[in-house]
C-alpha atoms as a PDB file:
ATOM      1  CA  MET A   1      33.138 132.624  34.865  1.00  0.00           C
ATOM      2  CA  GLU A   2      31.170 132.096  32.206  1.00  0.00           C
ATOM      3  CA  ARG A   3      27.653 131.174  33.067  1.00  0.00           C
ATOM      4  CA  VAL A   4      25.296 128.419  31.231  1.00  0.00           C
ATOM      5  CA  LEU A   5      22.335 128.943  33.199  1.00  0.00           C
ATOM      6  CA  ARG A   6      20.122 131.447  35.083  1.00  0.00           C
ATOM      7  CA  LEU A   7      16.951 131.270  36.384  1.00  0.00           C
ATOM      8  CA  GLN A   8      15.403 134.395  37.474  1.00  0.00           C
ATOM      9  CA  ASP A   9      12.043 134.256  39.918  1.00  0.00           C
ATOM     10  CA  VAL A  10      10.778 131.472  38.324  1.00  0.00           C
ATOM     11  CA  LYS A  11       7.367 130.250  39.822  1.00  0.00           C
ATOM     12  CA  MET A  12       5.517 127.095  38.718  1.00  0.00           C
ATOM     13  CA  ARG A  13       1.635 126.432  39.246  1.00  0.00           C
ATOM     14  CA  PHE A  14      -0.093 123.238  38.937  1.00  0.00           C
ATOM     15  CA  LEU A  15      -4.036 125.110  39.824  1.00  0.00           C
ATOM     16  CA  ASP A  16      -4.189 125.479  42.846  1.00  0.00           C
ATOM     17  CA  ASN A  17      -0.536 123.869  43.946  1.00  0.00           C
ATOM     18  CA  GLN A  18       2.440 126.333  44.078  1.00  0.00           C
ATOM     19  CA  VAL A  19       5.184 123.875  42.918  1.00  0.00           C
ATOM     20  CA  LEU A  20       8.018 126.437  42.337  1.00  0.00           C
ATOM     21  CA  LYS A  21       7.655 129.264  44.565  1.00  0.00           C
ATOM     22  CA  ARG A  22      10.490 131.524  43.546  1.00  0.00           C
ATOM     23  CA  ILE A  23      14.342 129.885  42.287  1.00  0.00           C
ATOM     24  CA  ASN A  24      16.968 131.919  41.758  1.00  0.00           C
ATOM     25  CA  LEU A  25      20.280 129.870  40.458  1.00  0.00           C
ATOM     26  CA  ASP A  26      23.001 130.761  38.641  1.00  0.00           C
ATOM     27  CA  VAL A  27      25.016 128.076  36.886  1.00  0.00           C
ATOM     28  CA  TYR A  28      29.056 128.141  36.426  1.00  0.00           C
ATOM     29  CA  ARG A  29      30.584 126.205  33.397  1.00  0.00           C
ATOM     30  CA  GLY A  30      32.916 123.706  35.265  1.00  0.00           C
ATOM     31  CA  GLN A  31      30.723 123.214  38.074  1.00  0.00           C
ATOM     32  CA  ILE A  32      28.334 119.817  39.039  1.00  0.00           C
ATOM     33  CA  ILE A  33      25.529 120.878  41.060  1.00  0.00           C
ATOM     34  CA  GLY A  34      23.857 118.570  43.227  1.00  0.00           C
ATOM     35  CA  TYR A  35      19.812 119.149  42.869  1.00  0.00           C
ATOM     36  CA  ILE A  36      18.621 117.559  45.401  1.00  0.00           C
ATOM     37  CA  GLY A  37      15.465 117.815  47.958  1.00  0.00           C
ATOM     38  CA  PRO A  38      12.692 115.539  49.152  1.00  0.00           C
ATOM     39  CA  ASN A  39       9.851 114.227  47.025  1.00  0.00           C
ATOM     40  CA  GLY A  40       7.471 116.751  45.738  1.00  0.00           C
ATOM     41  CA  ALA A  41      10.273 119.663  46.309  1.00  0.00           C
ATOM     42  CA  GLY A  42       9.957 120.780  42.463  1.00  0.00           C
ATOM     43  CA  LYS A  43      12.927 118.876  41.721  1.00  0.00           C
ATOM     44  CA  SER A  44      11.121 117.084  38.053  1.00  0.00           C
ATOM     45  CA  THR A  45      10.005 120.578  37.685  1.00  0.00           C
ATOM     46  CA  THR A  46      12.742 122.672  37.406  1.00  0.00           C
ATOM     47  CA  LEU A  47      14.504 120.451  35.444  1.00  0.00           C
ATOM     48  CA  LYS A  48      11.148 119.879  32.636  1.00  0.00           C
ATOM     49  CA  ILE A  49      11.568 123.881  32.819  1.00  0.00           C
ATOM     50  CA  ILE A  50      15.062 124.296  31.637  1.00  0.00           C
ATOM     51  CA  LEU A  51      14.173 121.939  29.217  1.00  0.00           C
ATOM     52  CA  GLY A  52      11.535 123.406  27.602  1.00  0.00           C
ATOM     53  CA  LEU A  53       8.785 120.609  28.553  1.00  0.00           C
ATOM     54  CA  LEU A  54       7.136 122.414  30.483  1.00  0.00           C
ATOM     55  CA  GLU A  55       5.541 126.008  29.631  1.00  0.00           C
ATOM     56  CA  GLY A  56       2.830 128.300  32.138  1.00  0.00           C
ATOM     57  CA  TYR A  57       5.909 129.342  34.561  1.00  0.00           C
ATOM     58  CA  GLU A  58       6.875 132.452  35.373  1.00  0.00           C
ATOM     59  CA  GLY A  59       9.919 134.316  34.986  1.00  0.00           C
ATOM     60  CA  THR A  60      12.886 133.787  33.340  1.00  0.00           C
ATOM     61  CA  VAL A  61      14.671 131.103  32.651  1.00  0.00           C
ATOM     62  CA  GLU A  62      18.240 131.929  30.629  1.00  0.00           C
ATOM     63  CA  VAL A  63      20.175 128.726  28.629  1.00  0.00           C
ATOM     64  CA  PHE A  64      23.647 129.862  27.413  1.00  0.00           C
ATOM     65  CA  GLY A  65      22.979 133.236  27.556  1.00  0.00           C
ATOM     66  CA  LYS A  66      19.818 133.058  25.808  1.00  0.00           C
ATOM     67  CA  LYS A  67      15.825 133.331  27.037  1.00  0.00           C
ATOM     68  CA  ILE A  68      14.341 129.811  26.417  1.00  0.00           C
ATOM     69  CA  GLU A  69      10.585 131.195  26.022  1.00  0.00           C
ATOM     70  CA  ILE A  70      11.356 133.293  22.447  1.00  0.00           C
ATOM     71  CA  GLY A  71      10.615 129.617  20.799  1.00  0.00           C
ATOM     72  CA  ASN A  72      14.780 129.156  19.938  1.00  0.00           C
ATOM     73  CA  VAL A  73      14.965 125.162  20.491  1.00  0.00           C
ATOM     74  CA  ASP A  74      18.762 125.265  19.341  1.00  0.00           C
ATOM     75  CA  TYR A  75      19.951 125.410  22.914  1.00  0.00           C
ATOM     76  CA  LYS A  76      18.971 121.959  22.949  1.00  0.00           C
ATOM     77  CA  ARG A  77      21.763 120.884  20.331  1.00  0.00           C
ATOM     78  CA  LYS A  78      24.530 121.556  23.686  1.00  0.00           C
ATOM     79  CA  ILE A  79      22.492 119.675  26.317  1.00  0.00           C
ATOM     80  CA  GLY A  80      22.254 116.009  27.238  1.00  0.00           C
ATOM     81  CA  TYR A  81      19.988 114.581  29.349  1.00  0.00           C
ATOM     82  CA  VAL A  82      19.112 111.449  31.241  1.00  0.00           C
ATOM     83  CA  PRO A  83      15.562 111.695  32.305  1.00  0.00           C
ATOM     84  CA  GLU A  84      14.272 109.553  35.795  1.00  0.00           C
ATOM     85  CA  ASN A  85      12.061 107.031  33.797  1.00  0.00           C
ATOM     86  CA  ALA A  86      12.836 106.719  30.320  1.00  0.00           C
ATOM     87  CA  GLU A  87      10.853 105.544  27.589  1.00  0.00           C
ATOM     88  CA  VAL A  88      13.089 103.517  25.269  1.00  0.00           C
ATOM     89  CA  TYR A  89      12.599 101.992  21.871  1.00  0.00           C
ATOM     90  CA  ASP A  90      12.790  98.124  23.268  1.00  0.00           C
ATOM     91  CA  MET A  91      12.251  96.798  19.522  1.00  0.00           C
ATOM     92  CA  LEU A  92      15.549  98.825  18.545  1.00  0.00           C
ATOM     93  CA  THR A  93      19.064  97.697  18.775  1.00  0.00           C
ATOM     94  CA  ALA A  94      21.446  99.710  20.715  1.00  0.00           C
ATOM     95  CA  SER A  95      23.163 100.576  17.565  1.00  0.00           C
ATOM     96  CA  GLU A  96      19.696 101.232  15.899  1.00  0.00           C
ATOM     97  CA  TYR A  97      18.503 103.468  19.073  1.00  0.00           C
ATOM     98  CA  LEU A  98      21.656 105.464  19.383  1.00  0.00           C
ATOM     99  CA  THR A  99      22.715 106.472  16.039  1.00  0.00           C
ATOM    100  CA  PHE A 100      19.157 107.879  15.297  1.00  0.00           C
ATOM    101  CA  VAL A 101      19.917 109.840  18.691  1.00  0.00           C
ATOM    102  CA  GLY A 102      22.611 111.236  16.897  1.00  0.00           C
ATOM    103  CA  GLU A 103      20.818 111.933  13.738  1.00  0.00           C
ATOM    104  CA  MET A 104      18.964 113.320  15.485  1.00  0.00           C
ATOM    105  CA  TYR A 105      21.579 115.896  17.196  1.00  0.00           C
ATOM    106  CA  GLY A 106      22.785 117.068  13.294  1.00  0.00           C
ATOM    107  CA  MET A 107      25.568 113.685  13.457  1.00  0.00           C
ATOM    108  CA  ASP A 108      26.795 112.121  10.704  1.00  0.00           C
ATOM    109  CA  ARG A 109      24.754 108.681  10.607  1.00  0.00           C
ATOM    110  CA  LYS A 110      28.059 106.639  10.190  1.00  0.00           C
ATOM    111  CA  GLN A 111      29.867 108.970  12.945  1.00  0.00           C
ATOM    112  CA  ALA A 112      26.939 108.225  15.532  1.00  0.00           C
ATOM    113  CA  GLU A 113      27.002 104.851  15.217  1.00  0.00           C
ATOM    114  CA  ASN A 114      30.604 104.779  15.315  1.00  0.00           C
ATOM    115  CA  LYS A 115      31.114 107.025  18.083  1.00  0.00           C
ATOM    116  CA  ALA A 116      28.275 104.725  19.968  1.00  0.00           C
ATOM    117  CA  LEU A 117      29.709 101.658  19.105  1.00  0.00           C
ATOM    118  CA  ALA A 118      33.033 102.905  21.248  1.00  0.00           C
ATOM    119  CA  LEU A 119      30.753 104.199  24.231  1.00  0.00           C
ATOM    120  CA  MET A 120      29.299 101.340  24.709  1.00  0.00           C
ATOM    121  CA  THR A 121      32.767  98.828  24.045  1.00  0.00           C
ATOM    122  CA  GLU A 122      34.098 100.919  26.959  1.00  0.00           C
ATOM    123  CA  LEU A 123      30.955 100.346  29.264  1.00  0.00           C
ATOM    124  CA  GLY A 124      31.563  97.198  28.358  1.00  0.00           C
ATOM    125  CA  MET A 125      28.960  96.032  26.134  1.00  0.00           C
ATOM    126  CA  GLU A 126      30.604  96.135  23.146  1.00  0.00           C
ATOM    127  CA  SER A 127      28.933  92.141  22.531  1.00  0.00           C
ATOM    128  CA  ALA A 128      24.967  93.183  23.314  1.00  0.00           C
ATOM    129  CA  PHE A 129      25.334  96.681  20.677  1.00  0.00           C
ATOM    130  CA  TYR A 130      23.683  94.785  18.072  1.00  0.00           C
ATOM    131  CA  GLU A 131      21.158  93.092  20.152  1.00  0.00           C
ATOM    132  CA  ARG A 132      17.427  93.906  20.933  1.00  0.00           C
ATOM    133  CA  ILE A 133      17.077  96.349  23.413  1.00  0.00           C
ATOM    134  CA  SER A 134      14.101  94.427  24.479  1.00  0.00           C
ATOM    135  CA  SER A 135      16.381  91.836  25.802  1.00  0.00           C
ATOM    136  CA  TYR A 136      18.512  93.606  28.213  1.00  0.00           C
ATOM    137  CA  SER A 137      19.036  93.937  31.978  1.00  0.00           C
ATOM    138  CA  LYS A 138      17.639  97.832  34.088  1.00  0.00           C
ATOM    139  CA  GLY A 139      21.448  98.170  34.315  1.00  0.00           C
ATOM    140  CA  MET A 140      22.014  97.803  30.163  1.00  0.00           C
ATOM    141  CA  ARG A 141      19.415  99.528  29.428  1.00  0.00           C
ATOM    142  CA  GLN A 142      20.518 102.681  32.059  1.00  0.00           C
ATOM    143  CA  ARG A 143      24.231 102.311  30.599  1.00  0.00           C
ATOM    144  CA  VAL A 144      22.545 102.892  27.010  1.00  0.00           C
ATOM    145  CA  LEU A 145      20.559 106.252  28.133  1.00  0.00           C
ATOM    146  CA  ILE A 146      23.765 107.795  29.678  1.00  0.00           C
ATOM    147  CA  VAL A 147      25.671 106.957  25.752  1.00  0.00           C
ATOM    148  CA  ALA A 148      22.468 108.741  24.565  1.00  0.00           C
ATOM    149  CA  SER A 149      23.143 111.490  26.680  1.00  0.00           C
ATOM    150  CA  LEU A 150      26.846 112.489  25.921  1.00  0.00           C
ATOM    151  CA  LEU A 151      26.577 110.922  22.217  1.00  0.00           C
ATOM    152  CA  HIS A 152      26.716 114.852  20.799  1.00  0.00           C
ATOM    153  CA  ASP A 153      29.194 116.260  23.162  1.00  0.00           C
ATOM    154  CA  PRO A 154      26.551 118.512  25.012  1.00  0.00           C
ATOM    155  CA  ASP A 155      28.275 121.232  26.758  1.00  0.00           C
ATOM    156  CA  LEU A 156      25.637 121.010  30.273  1.00  0.00           C
ATOM    157  CA  ILE A 157      24.325 117.742  30.978  1.00  0.00           C
ATOM    158  CA  PHE A 158      21.248 117.135  33.495  1.00  0.00           C
ATOM    159  CA  LEU A 159      21.056 113.539  34.577  1.00  0.00           C
ATOM    160  CA  ASP A 160      18.193 112.572  37.478  1.00  0.00           C
ATOM    161  CA  GLU A 161      18.794 109.301  38.792  1.00  0.00           C
ATOM    162  CA  PRO A 162      21.578 108.651  36.351  1.00  0.00           C
ATOM    163  CA  LEU A 163      23.004 105.562  38.910  1.00  0.00           C
ATOM    164  CA  SER A 164      19.722 103.504  39.057  1.00  0.00           C
ATOM    165  CA  GLY A 165      20.330  99.704  38.488  1.00  0.00           C
ATOM    166  CA  LEU A 166      23.989 100.009  37.642  1.00  0.00           C
ATOM    167  CA  ASP A 167      26.611  97.618  39.489  1.00  0.00           C
ATOM    168  CA  ALA A 168      29.007  98.648  41.230  1.00  0.00           C
ATOM    169  CA  ASN A 169      31.573  99.057  39.019  1.00  0.00           C
ATOM    170  CA  SER A 170      29.923 101.720  36.553  1.00  0.00           C
ATOM    171  CA  VAL A 171      28.899 103.349  39.509  1.00  0.00           C
ATOM    172  CA  MET A 172      32.310 104.218  39.952  1.00  0.00           C
ATOM    173  CA  ILE A 173      32.981 104.857  35.917  1.00  0.00           C
ATOM    174  CA  ILE A 174      30.403 106.759  36.098  1.00  0.00           C
ATOM    175  CA  LYS A 175      30.988 109.129  39.207  1.00  0.00           C
ATOM    176  CA  ASP A 176      35.186 109.151  37.359  1.00  0.00           C
ATOM    177  CA  LEU A 177      33.964 109.931  33.704  1.00  0.00           C
ATOM    178  CA  LEU A 178      31.562 112.497  35.970  1.00  0.00           C
ATOM    179  CA  ALA A 179      34.212 114.895  37.032  1.00  0.00           C
ATOM    180  CA  GLU A 180      36.380 114.321  34.185  1.00  0.00           C
ATOM    181  CA  LEU A 181      34.624 116.029  31.890  1.00  0.00           C
ATOM    182  CA  ALA A 182      33.451 118.670  34.570  1.00  0.00           C
ATOM    183  CA  ALA A 183      37.535 119.076  34.283  1.00  0.00           C
ATOM    184  CA  ARG A 184      37.179 119.484  30.381  1.00  0.00           C
ATOM    185  CA  GLY A 185      34.528 122.487  30.934  1.00  0.00           C
ATOM    186  CA  LYS A 186      31.051 120.068  30.899  1.00  0.00           C
ATOM    187  CA  THR A 187      28.720 121.295  32.961  1.00  0.00           C
ATOM    188  CA  ILE A 188      26.460 119.116  34.937  1.00  0.00           C
ATOM    189  CA  PHE A 189      23.281 119.395  36.628  1.00  0.00           C
ATOM    190  CA  TYR A 190      22.912 115.895  38.930  1.00  0.00           C
ATOM    191  CA  SER A 191      19.444 115.338  41.207  1.00  0.00           C
ATOM    192  CA  SER A 192      19.760 112.059  43.050  1.00  0.00           C
ATOM    193  CA  HIS A 193      18.469 111.006  46.474  1.00  0.00           C
ATOM    194  CA  ILE A 194      21.943 109.297  46.599  1.00  0.00           C
ATOM    195  CA  MET A 195      22.911 111.426  49.482  1.00  0.00           C
ATOM    196  CA  ASP A 196      26.591 110.046  49.617  1.00  0.00           C
ATOM    197  CA  VAL A 197      26.800 109.971  45.849  1.00  0.00           C
ATOM    198  CA  VAL A 198      25.760 113.600  45.804  1.00  0.00           C
ATOM    199  CA  GLU A 199      28.439 114.799  48.179  1.00  0.00           C
ATOM    200  CA  LYS A 200      30.781 113.046  46.676  1.00  0.00           C
ATOM    201  CA  ILE A 201      30.661 114.215  43.076  1.00  0.00           C
ATOM    202  CA  SER A 202      29.315 117.119  43.312  1.00  0.00           C
ATOM    203  CA  ASN A 203      31.259 121.178  44.221  1.00  0.00           C
ATOM    204  CA  ARG A 204      28.008 122.566  44.480  1.00  0.00           C
ATOM    205  CA  ILE A 205      24.955 121.118  46.435  1.00  0.00           C
ATOM    206  CA  VAL A 206      21.243 123.006  45.750  1.00  0.00           C
ATOM    207  CA  LEU A 207      18.734 121.917  48.363  1.00  0.00           C
ATOM    208  CA  LEU A 208      14.888 122.654  47.357  1.00  0.00           C
ATOM    209  CA  VAL A 209      12.647 122.625  49.869  1.00  0.00           C
ATOM    210  CA  ASP A 210       8.663 123.551  49.122  1.00  0.00           C
ATOM    211  CA  GLY A 211       9.629 125.265  46.242  1.00  0.00           C
ATOM    212  CA  GLU A 212      12.427 127.480  47.677  1.00  0.00           C
ATOM    213  CA  ILE A 213      16.129 127.128  47.525  1.00  0.00           C
ATOM    214  CA  ALA A 214      16.890 126.407  51.240  1.00  0.00           C
ATOM    215  CA  ALA A 215      20.542 125.871  50.830  1.00  0.00           C
ATOM    216  CA  ASP A 216      23.277 126.621  48.182  1.00  0.00           C
ATOM    217  CA  GLY A 217      26.980 125.756  48.649  1.00  0.00           C
ATOM    218  CA  SER A 218      29.591 123.693  48.441  1.00  0.00           C
ATOM    219  CA  PHE A 219      29.745 120.562  51.054  1.00  0.00           C
ATOM    220  CA  ASP A 220      32.505 122.244  53.331  1.00  0.00           C
ATOM    221  CA  GLU A 221      30.262 125.338  53.401  1.00  0.00           C
ATOM    222  CA  LEU A 222      27.151 123.471  53.897  1.00  0.00           C
ATOM    223  CA  LYS A 223      28.468 121.841  57.010  1.00  0.00           C
ATOM    224  CA  ASN A 224      30.245 124.376  58.288  1.00  0.00           C
ATOM    225  CA  SER A 225      26.657 126.321  58.533  1.00  0.00           C
ATOM    226  CA  SER A 226      24.377 123.183  59.923  1.00  0.00           C
ATOM    227  CA  GLU A 227      27.655 121.386  62.190  1.00  0.00           C
ATOM    228  CA  LYS A 228      26.341 118.504  60.854  1.00  0.00           C
ATOM    229  CA  GLY A 229      29.046 115.890  59.449  1.00  0.00           C
ATOM    230  CA  SER A 230      27.034 114.154  56.339  1.00  0.00           C
ATOM    231  CA  LEU A 231      24.465 115.441  53.633  1.00  0.00           C
ATOM    232  CA  GLU A 232      22.227 112.999  54.731  1.00  0.00           C
ATOM    233  CA  ALA A 233      22.257 114.312  57.970  1.00  0.00           C
ATOM    234  CA  ILE A 234      22.013 118.016  56.408  1.00  0.00           C
ATOM    235  CA  PHE A 235      19.271 117.100  54.357  1.00  0.00           C
ATOM    236  CA  ASN A 236      17.261 116.073  57.643  1.00  0.00           C
ATOM    237  CA  GLN A 237      18.293 118.778  59.052  1.00  0.00           C
ATOM    238  CA  LEU A 238      17.119 121.250  56.744  1.00  0.00           C
ATOM    239  CA  THR A 239      14.220 119.532  55.466  1.00  0.00           C
ATOM    240  CA  GLY A 240      12.878 118.776  58.974  1.00  0.00           C
ATOM    241  CA  PHE A 241      13.204 115.267  58.668  1.00  0.00           C
ATOM    242  CA  GLU A 242      14.371 114.398  62.047  1.00  0.00           C
ATOM    243  CA  SER A 243      12.320 110.886  62.880  1.00  0.00           C
ATOM    244  CA  HIS A 244      13.915 108.168  60.339  1.00  0.00           C
ATOM    245  CA  GLN A 245      15.856 106.205  62.839  1.00  0.00           C
ATOM    246  CA  GLU A 246      12.116 106.205  65.180  1.00  0.00           C
ATOM    247  CA  THR A 247      10.075 104.866  62.226  1.00  0.00           C
ATOM    248  CA  ALA A 248      12.330 102.552  61.426  1.00  0.00           C
ATOM    249  CA  GLU A 249      12.426 101.140  65.106  1.00  0.00           C
ATOM    250  CA  ASN A 250       8.541 101.751  65.154  1.00  0.00           C
ATOM    251  CA  MET A 251       7.660  99.248  61.452  1.00  0.00           C
ATOM    252  CA  VAL A 252      10.663  96.466  62.915  1.00  0.00           C
ATOM    253  CA  ASN A 253       8.338  96.576  66.179  1.00  0.00           C
ATOM    254  CA  LEU A 254       5.193  95.968  63.801  1.00  0.00           C
ATOM    255  CA  VAL A 255       6.950  93.247  61.649  1.00  0.00           C
ATOM    256  CA  MET A 256       8.109  92.016  64.934  1.00  0.00           C
ATOM    257  CA  GLY A 257       4.462  91.834  66.329  1.00  0.00           C
ATOM    258  CA  GLU A 258       6.156  94.206  69.109  1.00  0.00           C
ATOM    259  CA  GLU A 259       4.097  96.764  70.967  1.00  0.00           C
ATOM    260  CA  GLN A 260       5.736 100.479  69.805  1.00  0.00           C
ATOM    261  CA  LYS A 261       7.037 102.668  73.049  1.00  0.00           C
END
């Protein structure tokens, strides 16, 4: 199998906080990696390091066989990224914004515009293509970001909560889209808190806890090792969070003015 990403003994510290303790991870062509973990586990830090957005880490990061710390940014032309919280140029139309993104990746202007329009049409947004993004709903903005991440035909795609704000039909399209992309050799790094989606689309799941990899394998492998029935249950067991039902009951008691048991 062709390796497209390697993290070797990667550590990251912010002042006195050791966010990543030692990450060792090899990712191969055609895999859909479900990268999960509780808040503060280091998921976003890992993504930002790989994307070249964070410096000061220890260890080695290789993308497409080359170390990223030597300053070569050419690898970014083959990467797509949907951040969890993205700033979009509100005063631009989707046409202007996506054409700009395409040109940034080296695409011809007309080619970028035509391809963006075709992709937006598939997502049911043809009529809004020439409208300002400031008039868009959250779900419409998210579809624009997904198109922007795919426009230049990347080989490695990073998705951080990509389904946020999408309606049920769009979610089904994106899930099938990711499966088809992986089947055609694209590699997808998918970070989300929505366990059932991660469980369904990922062929490999990596669980990060306190800056370290606590589990790495297919859902069936994780299920067999933990004897839990769902990814959410496995997640709760491995992160030590087993009190969610009790917490929910206590909150309902407080809301309804009842004494806690």
